[in-house]
PDB file of N, CA and C in Angstrom:
ATOM      1  N   VAL A   1       0.178   8.634   4.274  1.00  0.00           N
ATOM      2  CA  VAL A   1       0.852   7.410   3.818  1.00  0.00           C
ATOM      3  C   VAL A   1      -0.186   6.368   3.517  1.00  0.00           C
ATOM      4  N   ALA A   2       0.008   5.662   2.418  1.00  0.00           N
ATOM      5  CA  ALA A   2      -0.899   4.561   2.055  1.00  0.00           C
ATOM      6  C   ALA A   2      -0.072   3.280   1.929  1.00  0.00           C
ATOM      7  N   VAL A   3      -0.589   2.209   2.475  1.00  0.00           N
ATOM      8  CA  VAL A   3      -0.019   0.884   2.294  1.00  0.00           C
ATOM      9  C   VAL A   3      -0.999   0.121   1.416  1.00  0.00           C
ATOM     10  N   LEU A   4      -0.552  -0.246   0.211  1.00  0.00           N
ATOM     11  CA  LEU A   4      -1.418  -0.931  -0.736  1.00  0.00           C
ATOM     12  C   LEU A   4      -0.883  -2.342  -0.950  1.00  0.00           C
ATOM     13  N   VAL A   5      -1.790  -3.318  -0.953  1.00  0.00           N
ATOM     14  CA  VAL A   5      -1.392  -4.714  -1.108  1.00  0.00           C
ATOM     15  C   VAL A   5      -2.214  -5.355  -2.212  1.00  0.00           C
ATOM     16  N   THR A   6      -1.645  -6.411  -2.810  1.00  0.00           N
ATOM     17  CA  THR A   6      -2.390  -7.159  -3.823  1.00  0.00           C
ATOM     18  C   THR A   6      -3.372  -8.095  -3.122  1.00  0.00           C
ATOM     19  N   PRO A   7      -4.488  -8.408  -3.769  1.00  0.00           N
ATOM     20  CA  PRO A   7      -5.516  -9.241  -3.120  1.00  0.00           C
ATOM     21  C   PRO A   7      -5.020 -10.621  -2.685  1.00  0.00           C
ATOM     22  N   GLU A   8      -4.035 -11.190  -3.395  1.00  0.00           N
ATOM     23  CA  GLU A   8      -3.566 -12.511  -3.005  1.00  0.00           C
ATOM     24  C   GLU A   8      -2.801 -12.495  -1.691  1.00  0.00           C
ATOM     25  N   LEU A   9      -2.544 -11.308  -1.159  1.00  0.00           N
ATOM     26  CA  LEU A   9      -1.853 -11.171   0.116  1.00  0.00           C
ATOM     27  C   LEU A   9      -2.817 -10.810   1.236  1.00  0.00           C
ATOM     28  N   PHE A  10      -4.076 -11.236   1.112  1.00  0.00           N
ATOM     29  CA  PHE A  10      -5.104 -10.860   2.086  1.00  0.00           C
ATOM     30  C   PHE A  10      -4.719 -11.220   3.519  1.00  0.00           C
ATOM     31  N   LEU A  11      -4.178 -12.394   3.763  1.00  0.00           N
ATOM     32  CA  LEU A  11      -3.838 -12.776   5.147  1.00  0.00           C
ATOM     33  C   LEU A  11      -2.759 -11.890   5.712  1.00  0.00           C
ATOM     34  N   LEU A  12      -1.762 -11.537   4.896  1.00  0.00           N
ATOM     35  CA  LEU A  12      -0.721 -10.623   5.342  1.00  0.00           C
ATOM     36  C   LEU A  12      -1.359  -9.277   5.665  1.00  0.00           C
ATOM     37  N   TRP A  13      -2.209  -8.779   4.763  1.00  0.00           N
ATOM     38  CA  TRP A  13      -2.872  -7.488   4.956  1.00  0.00           C
ATOM     39  C   TRP A  13      -3.665  -7.490   6.263  1.00  0.00           C
ATOM     40  N   LYS A  14      -4.426  -8.553   6.479  1.00  0.00           N
ATOM     41  CA  LYS A  14      -5.275  -8.621   7.669  1.00  0.00           C
ATOM     42  C   LYS A  14      -4.419  -8.615   8.950  1.00  0.00           C
ATOM     43  N   SER A  15      -3.324  -9.345   8.980  1.00  0.00           N
ATOM     44  CA  SER A  15      -2.496  -9.378  10.185  1.00  0.00           C
ATOM     45  C   SER A  15      -1.782  -8.066  10.420  1.00  0.00           C
ATOM     46  N   LEU A  16      -1.331  -7.377   9.366  1.00  0.00           N
ATOM     47  CA  LEU A  16      -0.657  -6.093   9.534  1.00  0.00           C
ATOM     48  C   LEU A  16      -1.625  -5.014  10.046  1.00  0.00           C
ATOM     49  N   VAL A  17      -2.823  -4.983   9.499  1.00  0.00           N
ATOM     50  CA  VAL A  17      -3.817  -4.006   9.952  1.00  0.00           C
ATOM     51  C   VAL A  17      -4.165  -4.239  11.402  1.00  0.00           C
ATOM     52  N   SER A  18      -4.327  -5.520  11.783  1.00  0.00           N
ATOM     53  CA  SER A  18      -4.622  -5.844  13.179  1.00  0.00           C
ATOM     54  C   SER A  18      -3.490  -5.385  14.091  1.00  0.00           C
ATOM     55  N   GLY A  19      -2.254  -5.579  13.658  1.00  0.00           N
ATOM     56  CA  GLY A  19      -1.102  -5.160  14.449  1.00  0.00           C
ATOM     57  C   GLY A  19      -1.045  -3.653  14.634  1.00  0.00           C
ATOM     58  N   PHE A  20      -1.338  -2.907  13.583  1.00  0.00           N
ATOM     59  CA  PHE A  20      -1.375  -1.444  13.684  1.00  0.00           C
ATOM     60  C   PHE A  20      -2.436  -1.015  14.703  1.00  0.00           C
ATOM     61  N   ARG A  21      -3.607  -1.606  14.603  1.00  0.00           N
ATOM     62  CA  ARG A  21      -4.700  -1.220  15.508  1.00  0.00           C
ATOM     63  C   ARG A  21      -4.347  -1.555  16.947  1.00  0.00           C
ATOM     64  N   LEU A  22      -3.694  -2.702  17.163  1.00  0.00           N
ATOM     65  CA  LEU A  22      -3.299  -3.067  18.541  1.00  0.00           C
ATOM     66  C   LEU A  22      -2.297  -2.066  19.106  1.00  0.00           C
ATOM     67  N   GLU A  23      -1.469  -1.490  18.238  1.00  0.00           N
ATOM     68  CA  GLU A  23      -0.475  -0.511  18.688  1.00  0.00           C
ATOM     69  C   GLU A  23      -1.059   0.899  18.802  1.00  0.00           C
ATOM     70  N   GLY A  24      -2.329   1.075  18.474  1.00  0.00           N
ATOM     71  CA  GLY A  24      -2.967   2.381  18.591  1.00  0.00           C
ATOM     72  C   GLY A  24      -2.718   3.305  17.406  1.00  0.00           C
ATOM     73  N   ILE A  25      -2.242   2.758  16.297  1.00  0.00           N
ATOM     74  CA  ILE A  25      -1.990   3.556  15.087  1.00  0.00           C
ATOM     75  C   ILE A  25      -3.303   3.619  14.299  1.00  0.00           C
ATOM     76  N   PRO A  26      -3.788   4.823  14.005  1.00  0.00           N
ATOM     77  CA  PRO A  26      -5.060   4.949  13.261  1.00  0.00           C
ATOM     78  C   PRO A  26      -4.933   4.360  11.863  1.00  0.00           C
ATOM     79  N   VAL A  27      -5.916   3.575  11.460  1.00  0.00           N
ATOM     80  CA  VAL A  27      -5.938   2.925  10.161  1.00  0.00           C
ATOM     81  C   VAL A  27      -7.215   3.334   9.448  1.00  0.00           C
ATOM     82  N   CYS A  28      -7.119   3.665   8.161  1.00  0.00           N
ATOM     83  CA  CYS A  28      -8.260   4.097   7.381  1.00  0.00           C
ATOM     84  C   CYS A  28      -8.327   3.254   6.094  1.00  0.00           C
ATOM     85  N   GLU A  29      -9.430   3.326   5.429  1.00  0.00           N
ATOM     86  CA  GLU A  29      -9.543   2.794   4.066  1.00  0.00           C
ATOM     87  C   GLU A  29      -9.523   3.958   3.106  1.00  0.00           C
ATOM     88  N   ALA A  30      -9.233   3.697   1.845  1.00  0.00           N
ATOM     89  CA  ALA A  30      -9.235   4.746   0.823  1.00  0.00           C
ATOM     90  C   ALA A  30     -10.591   5.437   0.829  1.00  0.00           C
ATOM     91  N   GLY A  31     -10.552   6.745   0.818  1.00  0.00           N
ATOM     92  CA  GLY A  31     -11.805   7.512   0.793  1.00  0.00           C
ATOM     93  C   GLY A  31     -12.285   7.953   2.149  1.00  0.00           C
ATOM     94  N   ASP A  32     -11.794   7.296   3.227  1.00  0.00           N
ATOM     95  CA  ASP A  32     -12.167   7.746   4.568  1.00  0.00           C
ATOM     96  C   ASP A  32     -11.522   9.093   4.822  1.00  0.00           C
ATOM     97  N   ASN A  33     -12.223   9.935   5.517  1.00  0.00           N
ATOM     98  CA  ASN A  33     -11.676  11.246   5.872  1.00  0.00           C
ATOM     99  C   ASN A  33     -11.151  11.173   7.303  1.00  0.00           C
ATOM    100  N   CYS A  34      -9.972  10.553   7.483  1.00  0.00           N
ATOM    101  CA  CYS A  34      -9.394  10.460   8.800  1.00  0.00           C
ATOM    102  C   CYS A  34      -7.902  10.681   8.719  1.00  0.00           C
ATOM    103  N   ASN A  35      -7.297  10.938   9.837  1.00  0.00           N
ATOM    104  CA  ASN A  35      -5.867  11.162   9.925  1.00  0.00           C
ATOM    105  C   ASN A  35      -5.209   9.849  10.379  1.00  0.00           C
ATOM    106  N   GLY A  36      -4.776   9.049   9.433  1.00  0.00           N
ATOM    107  CA  GLY A  36      -4.168   7.765   9.750  1.00  0.00           C
ATOM    108  C   GLY A  36      -3.523   7.129   8.554  1.00  0.00           C
ATOM    109  N   VAL A  37      -3.005   5.964   8.730  1.00  0.00           N
ATOM    110  CA  VAL A  37      -2.398   5.213   7.655  1.00  0.00           C
ATOM    111  C   VAL A  37      -3.501   4.549   6.848  1.00  0.00           C
ATOM    112  N   VAL A  38      -3.474   4.753   5.553  1.00  0.00           N
ATOM    113  CA  VAL A  38      -4.477   4.133   4.680  1.00  0.00           C
ATOM    114  C   VAL A  38      -3.981   2.739   4.306  1.00  0.00           C
ATOM    115  N   TRP A  39      -4.793   1.735   4.612  1.00  0.00           N
ATOM    116  CA  TRP A  39      -4.530   0.349   4.227  1.00  0.00           C
ATOM    117  C   TRP A  39      -5.587  -0.041   3.246  1.00  0.00           C
ATOM    118  N   GLU A  40      -5.180  -0.484   2.046  1.00  0.00           N
ATOM    119  CA  GLU A  40      -6.153  -0.777   1.022  1.00  0.00           C
ATOM    120  C   GLU A  40      -5.566  -1.795   0.041  1.00  0.00           C
ATOM    121  N   PHE A  41      -6.458  -2.465  -0.651  1.00  0.00           N
ATOM    122  CA  PHE A  41      -6.040  -3.330  -1.752  1.00  0.00           C
ATOM    123  C   PHE A  41      -5.721  -2.442  -2.952  1.00  0.00           C
ATOM    124  N   GLY A  42      -4.698  -2.811  -3.681  1.00  0.00           N
ATOM    125  CA  GLY A  42      -4.241  -2.006  -4.811  1.00  0.00           C
ATOM    126  C   GLY A  42      -5.322  -1.745  -5.830  1.00  0.00           C
ATOM    127  N   ASP A  43      -6.193  -2.747  -6.089  1.00  0.00           N
ATOM    128  CA  ASP A  43      -7.231  -2.557  -7.101  1.00  0.00           C
ATOM    129  C   ASP A  43      -8.347  -1.644  -6.656  1.00  0.00           C
ATOM    130  N   ASN A  44      -8.373  -1.226  -5.387  1.00  0.00           N
ATOM    131  CA  ASN A  44      -9.345  -0.256  -4.888  1.00  0.00           C
ATOM    132  C   ASN A  44      -8.780   1.163  -4.835  1.00  0.00           C
ATOM    133  N   SER A  45      -7.570   1.343  -5.313  1.00  0.00           N
ATOM    134  CA  SER A  45      -6.904   2.631  -5.171  1.00  0.00           C
ATOM    135  C   SER A  45      -6.912   3.495  -6.412  1.00  0.00           C
ATOM    136  N   HIS A  46      -7.636   3.099  -7.450  1.00  0.00           N
ATOM    137  CA  HIS A  46      -7.541   3.767  -8.765  1.00  0.00           C
ATOM    138  C   HIS A  46      -7.945   5.224  -8.764  1.00  0.00           C
ATOM    139  N   SER A  47      -8.738   5.703  -7.847  1.00  0.00           N
ATOM    140  CA  SER A  47      -9.187   7.088  -7.849  1.00  0.00           C
ATOM    141  C   SER A  47      -8.457   7.980  -6.832  1.00  0.00           C
ATOM    142  N   TYR A  48      -7.398   7.465  -6.234  1.00  0.00           N
ATOM    143  CA  TYR A  48      -6.727   8.182  -5.145  1.00  0.00           C
ATOM    144  C   TYR A  48      -5.244   8.328  -5.406  1.00  0.00           C
ATOM    145  N   GLU A  49      -4.636   9.319  -4.736  1.00  0.00           N
ATOM    146  CA  GLU A  49      -3.194   9.505  -4.753  1.00  0.00           C
ATOM    147  C   GLU A  49      -2.747   9.874  -3.349  1.00  0.00           C
ATOM    148  N   TRP A  50      -1.542   9.480  -2.979  1.00  0.00           N
ATOM    149  CA  TRP A  50      -0.978   9.791  -1.671  1.00  0.00           C
ATOM    150  C   TRP A  50       0.472  10.245  -1.848  1.00  0.00           C
ATOM    151  N   PRO A  51       0.953  11.127  -0.975  1.00  0.00           N
ATOM    152  CA  PRO A  51       2.364  11.541  -1.079  1.00  0.00           C
ATOM    153  C   PRO A  51       3.317  10.365  -0.977  1.00  0.00           C
ATOM    154  N   VAL A  52       3.029   9.427  -0.097  1.00  0.00           N
ATOM    155  CA  VAL A  52       3.897   8.262   0.080  1.00  0.00           C
ATOM    156  C   VAL A  52       3.041   7.004  -0.050  1.00  0.00           C
ATOM    157  N   VAL A  53       3.518   6.059  -0.872  1.00  0.00           N
ATOM    158  CA  VAL A  53       2.849   4.779  -1.023  1.00  0.00           C
ATOM    159  C   VAL A  53       3.852   3.668  -0.749  1.00  0.00           C
ATOM    160  N   ILE A  54       3.449   2.735   0.101  1.00  0.00           N
ATOM    161  CA  ILE A  54       4.201   1.500   0.324  1.00  0.00           C
ATOM    162  C   ILE A  54       3.398   0.410  -0.340  1.00  0.00           C
ATOM    163  N   ALA A  55       3.938  -0.178  -1.415  1.00  0.00           N
ATOM    164  CA  ALA A  55       3.241  -1.210  -2.170  1.00  0.00           C
ATOM    165  C   ALA A  55       3.823  -2.572  -1.782  1.00  0.00           C
ATOM    166  N   VAL A  56       2.969  -3.440  -1.233  1.00  0.00           N
ATOM    167  CA  VAL A  56       3.356  -4.798  -0.878  1.00  0.00           C
ATOM    168  C   VAL A  56       2.693  -5.698  -1.926  1.00  0.00           C
ATOM    169  N   CYS A  57       3.523  -6.346  -2.745  1.00  0.00           N
ATOM    170  CA  CYS A  57       2.954  -6.986  -3.915  1.00  0.00           C
ATOM    171  C   CYS A  57       3.666  -8.260  -4.345  1.00  0.00           C
ATOM    172  N   THR A  58       3.043  -8.902  -5.315  1.00  0.00           N
ATOM    173  CA  THR A  58       3.627 -10.013  -6.014  1.00  0.00           C
ATOM    174  C   THR A  58       4.101  -9.454  -7.378  1.00  0.00           C
ATOM    175  N   ARG A  59       4.466 -10.308  -8.265  1.00  0.00           N
ATOM    176  CA  ARG A  59       4.982  -9.831  -9.533  1.00  0.00           C
ATOM    177  C   ARG A  59       3.910  -9.701 -10.623  1.00  0.00           C
ATOM    178  N   ASN A  60       2.692  -9.362 -10.244  1.00  0.00           N
ATOM    179  CA  ASN A  60       1.587  -9.128 -11.170  1.00  0.00           C
ATOM    180  C   ASN A  60       1.711  -7.718 -11.746  1.00  0.00           C
ATOM    181  N   ALA A  61       2.263  -7.615 -12.937  1.00  0.00           N
ATOM    182  CA  ALA A  61       2.623  -6.297 -13.503  1.00  0.00           C
ATOM    183  C   ALA A  61       1.462  -5.349 -13.625  1.00  0.00           C
ATOM    184  N   GLU A  62       0.300  -5.830 -14.059  1.00  0.00           N
ATOM    185  CA  GLU A  62      -0.842  -4.942 -14.264  1.00  0.00           C
ATOM    186  C   GLU A  62      -1.314  -4.300 -12.963  1.00  0.00           C
ATOM    187  N   LEU A  63      -1.491  -5.081 -11.924  1.00  0.00           N
ATOM    188  CA  LEU A  63      -1.937  -4.534 -10.648  1.00  0.00           C
ATOM    189  C   LEU A  63      -0.852  -3.698 -10.009  1.00  0.00           C
ATOM    190  N   ASN A  64       0.395  -4.098 -10.133  1.00  0.00           N
ATOM    191  CA  ASN A  64       1.491  -3.331  -9.557  1.00  0.00           C
ATOM    192  C   ASN A  64       1.541  -1.935 -10.149  1.00  0.00           C
ATOM    193  N   TYR A  65       1.338  -1.804 -11.448  1.00  0.00           N
ATOM    194  CA  TYR A  65       1.340  -0.500 -12.086  1.00  0.00           C
ATOM    195  C   TYR A  65       0.301   0.421 -11.444  1.00  0.00           C
ATOM    196  N   LEU A  66      -0.874  -0.098 -11.194  1.00  0.00           N
ATOM    197  CA  LEU A  66      -1.933   0.701 -10.564  1.00  0.00           C
ATOM    198  C   LEU A  66      -1.487   1.194  -9.210  1.00  0.00           C
ATOM    199  N   MET A  67      -0.924   0.300  -8.394  1.00  0.00           N
ATOM    200  CA  MET A  67      -0.478   0.727  -7.065  1.00  0.00           C
ATOM    201  C   MET A  67       0.700   1.714  -7.156  1.00  0.00           C
ATOM    202  N   PHE A  68       1.648   1.444  -8.048  1.00  0.00           N
ATOM    203  CA  PHE A  68       2.825   2.314  -8.162  1.00  0.00           C
ATOM    204  C   PHE A  68       2.456   3.720  -8.627  1.00  0.00           C
ATOM    205  N   SER A  69       1.442   3.816  -9.480  1.00  0.00           N
ATOM    206  CA  SER A  69       1.073   5.120 -10.019  1.00  0.00           C
ATOM    207  C   SER A  69       0.292   5.984  -9.039  1.00  0.00           C
ATOM    208  N   ARG A  70      -0.044   5.470  -7.854  1.00  0.00           N
ATOM    209  CA  ARG A  70      -0.756   6.241  -6.850  1.00  0.00           C
ATOM    210  C   ARG A  70       0.151   7.104  -6.003  1.00  0.00           C
ATOM    211  N   ALA A  71       1.476   6.896  -6.090  1.00  0.00           N
ATOM    212  CA  ALA A  71       2.433   7.670  -5.297  1.00  0.00           C
ATOM    213  C   ALA A  71       2.720   9.011  -5.959  1.00  0.00           C
ATOM    214  N   VAL A  72       2.712  10.077  -5.177  1.00  0.00           N
ATOM    215  CA  VAL A  72       2.996  11.405  -5.706  1.00  0.00           C
ATOM    216  C   VAL A  72       4.472  11.732  -5.592  1.00  0.00           C
ATOM    217  N   THR A  73       5.059  11.519  -4.392  1.00  0.00           N
ATOM    218  CA  THR A  73       6.478  11.915  -4.213  1.00  0.00           C
ATOM    219  C   THR A  73       7.397  10.751  -3.843  1.00  0.00           C
ATOM    220  N   ARG A  74       6.870   9.724  -3.201  1.00  0.00           N
ATOM    221  CA  ARG A  74       7.765   8.630  -2.754  1.00  0.00           C
ATOM    222  C   ARG A  74       7.040   7.297  -2.856  1.00  0.00           C
ATOM    223  N   LEU A  75       7.781   6.293  -3.379  1.00  0.00           N
ATOM    224  CA  LEU A  75       7.251   4.950  -3.557  1.00  0.00           C
ATOM    225  C   LEU A  75       8.214   3.965  -2.949  1.00  0.00           C
ATOM    226  N   VAL A  76       7.710   3.081  -2.096  1.00  0.00           N
ATOM    227  CA  VAL A  76       8.501   1.979  -1.557  1.00  0.00           C
ATOM    228  C   VAL A  76       7.808   0.701  -1.995  1.00  0.00           C
ATOM    229  N   VAL A  77       8.562  -0.219  -2.607  1.00  0.00           N
ATOM    230  CA  VAL A  77       7.987  -1.468  -3.110  1.00  0.00           C
ATOM    231  C   VAL A  77       8.577  -2.619  -2.335  1.00  0.00           C
ATOM    232  N   LEU A  78       7.698  -3.464  -1.787  1.00  0.00           N
ATOM    233  CA  LEU A  78       8.115  -4.671  -1.079  1.00  0.00           C
ATOM    234  C   LEU A  78       7.523  -5.867  -1.806  1.00  0.00           C
ATOM    235  N   TYR A  79       8.366  -6.745  -2.314  1.00  0.00           N
ATOM    236  CA  TYR A  79       7.918  -7.964  -2.962  1.00  0.00           C
ATOM    237  C   TYR A  79       7.884  -9.102  -1.947  1.00  0.00           C
ATOM    238  N   VAL A  80       6.871  -9.946  -2.006  1.00  0.00           N
ATOM    239  CA  VAL A  80       6.711 -11.007  -1.019  1.00  0.00           C
ATOM    240  C   VAL A  80       7.703 -12.127  -1.167  1.00  0.00           C
ATOM    241  N   ASP A  81       8.456 -12.173  -2.277  1.00  0.00           N
ATOM    242  CA  ASP A  81       9.430 -13.270  -2.450  1.00  0.00           C
ATOM    243  C   ASP A  81      10.734 -13.015  -1.703  1.00  0.00           C
ATOM    244  N   GLY A  82      10.749 -11.988  -0.866  1.00  0.00           N
ATOM    245  CA  GLY A  82      11.899 -11.719  -0.043  1.00  0.00           C
ATOM    246  C   GLY A  82      12.783 -10.570  -0.561  1.00  0.00           C
ATOM    247  N   ASN A  83      12.591 -10.153  -1.791  1.00  0.00           N
ATOM    248  CA  ASN A  83      13.391  -9.036  -2.321  1.00  0.00           C
ATOM    249  C   ASN A  83      12.775  -7.732  -1.870  1.00  0.00           C
ATOM    250  N   LEU A  84      13.613  -6.735  -1.616  1.00  0.00           N
ATOM    251  CA  LEU A  84      13.162  -5.418  -1.229  1.00  0.00           C
ATOM    252  C   LEU A  84      13.691  -4.411  -2.249  1.00  0.00           C
ATOM    253  N   TYR A  85      12.789  -3.636  -2.785  1.00  0.00           N
ATOM    254  CA  TYR A  85      13.169  -2.613  -3.741  1.00  0.00           C
ATOM    255  C   TYR A  85      12.675  -1.275  -3.250  1.00  0.00           C
ATOM    256  N   VAL A  86      13.491  -0.296  -3.278  1.00  0.00           N
ATOM    257  CA  VAL A  86      13.094   1.076  -2.939  1.00  0.00           C
ATOM    258  C   VAL A  86      13.328   1.909  -4.180  1.00  0.00           C
ATOM    259  N   ILE A  87      12.311   2.606  -4.621  1.00  0.00           N
ATOM    260  CA  ILE A  87      12.387   3.397  -5.844  1.00  0.00           C
ATOM    261  C   ILE A  87      12.204   4.861  -5.452  1.00  0.00           C
ATOM    262  N   PRO A  88      13.267   5.590  -5.177  1.00  0.00           N
ATOM    263  CA  PRO A  88      13.101   6.998  -4.769  1.00  0.00           C
ATOM    264  C   PRO A  88      13.005   7.944  -5.956  1.00  0.00           C
ATOM    265  N   ASP A  89      12.036   8.820  -5.886  1.00  0.00           N
ATOM    266  CA  ASP A  89      11.923   9.959  -6.817  1.00  0.00           C
ATOM    267  C   ASP A  89      11.966   9.556  -8.301  1.00  0.00           C
ATOM    268  N   GLU A  90      11.554   8.366  -8.675  1.00  0.00           N
ATOM    269  CA  GLU A  90      11.551   7.959 -10.070  1.00  0.00           C
ATOM    270  C   GLU A  90      10.113   7.726 -10.522  1.00  0.00           C
ATOM    271  N   LEU A  91       9.262   8.680 -10.253  1.00  0.00           N
ATOM    272  CA  LEU A  91       7.838   8.507 -10.592  1.00  0.00           C
ATOM    273  C   LEU A  91       7.514   9.229 -11.869  1.00  0.00           C
TER     274      LEU A  91
END
């Protein structure tokens, strides 16, 4: 599973990663060879794909496309303006 965020959400990203680590959930960056949740900025994900991607984003269409295209089987999209969109099997 990969959680990808847009750079303008750095503070959210930092607090979520810290929370996962406090709970003992392994966290990796893209390219690390470990068994854990990958947390990465969307613009750093261009060379990778994951079965499940959770994209936490703003409405920046160009960067969102990059994050959305990294999902192989399942994509969950969370917009920071409070709307929640789940896009199943429409990749």
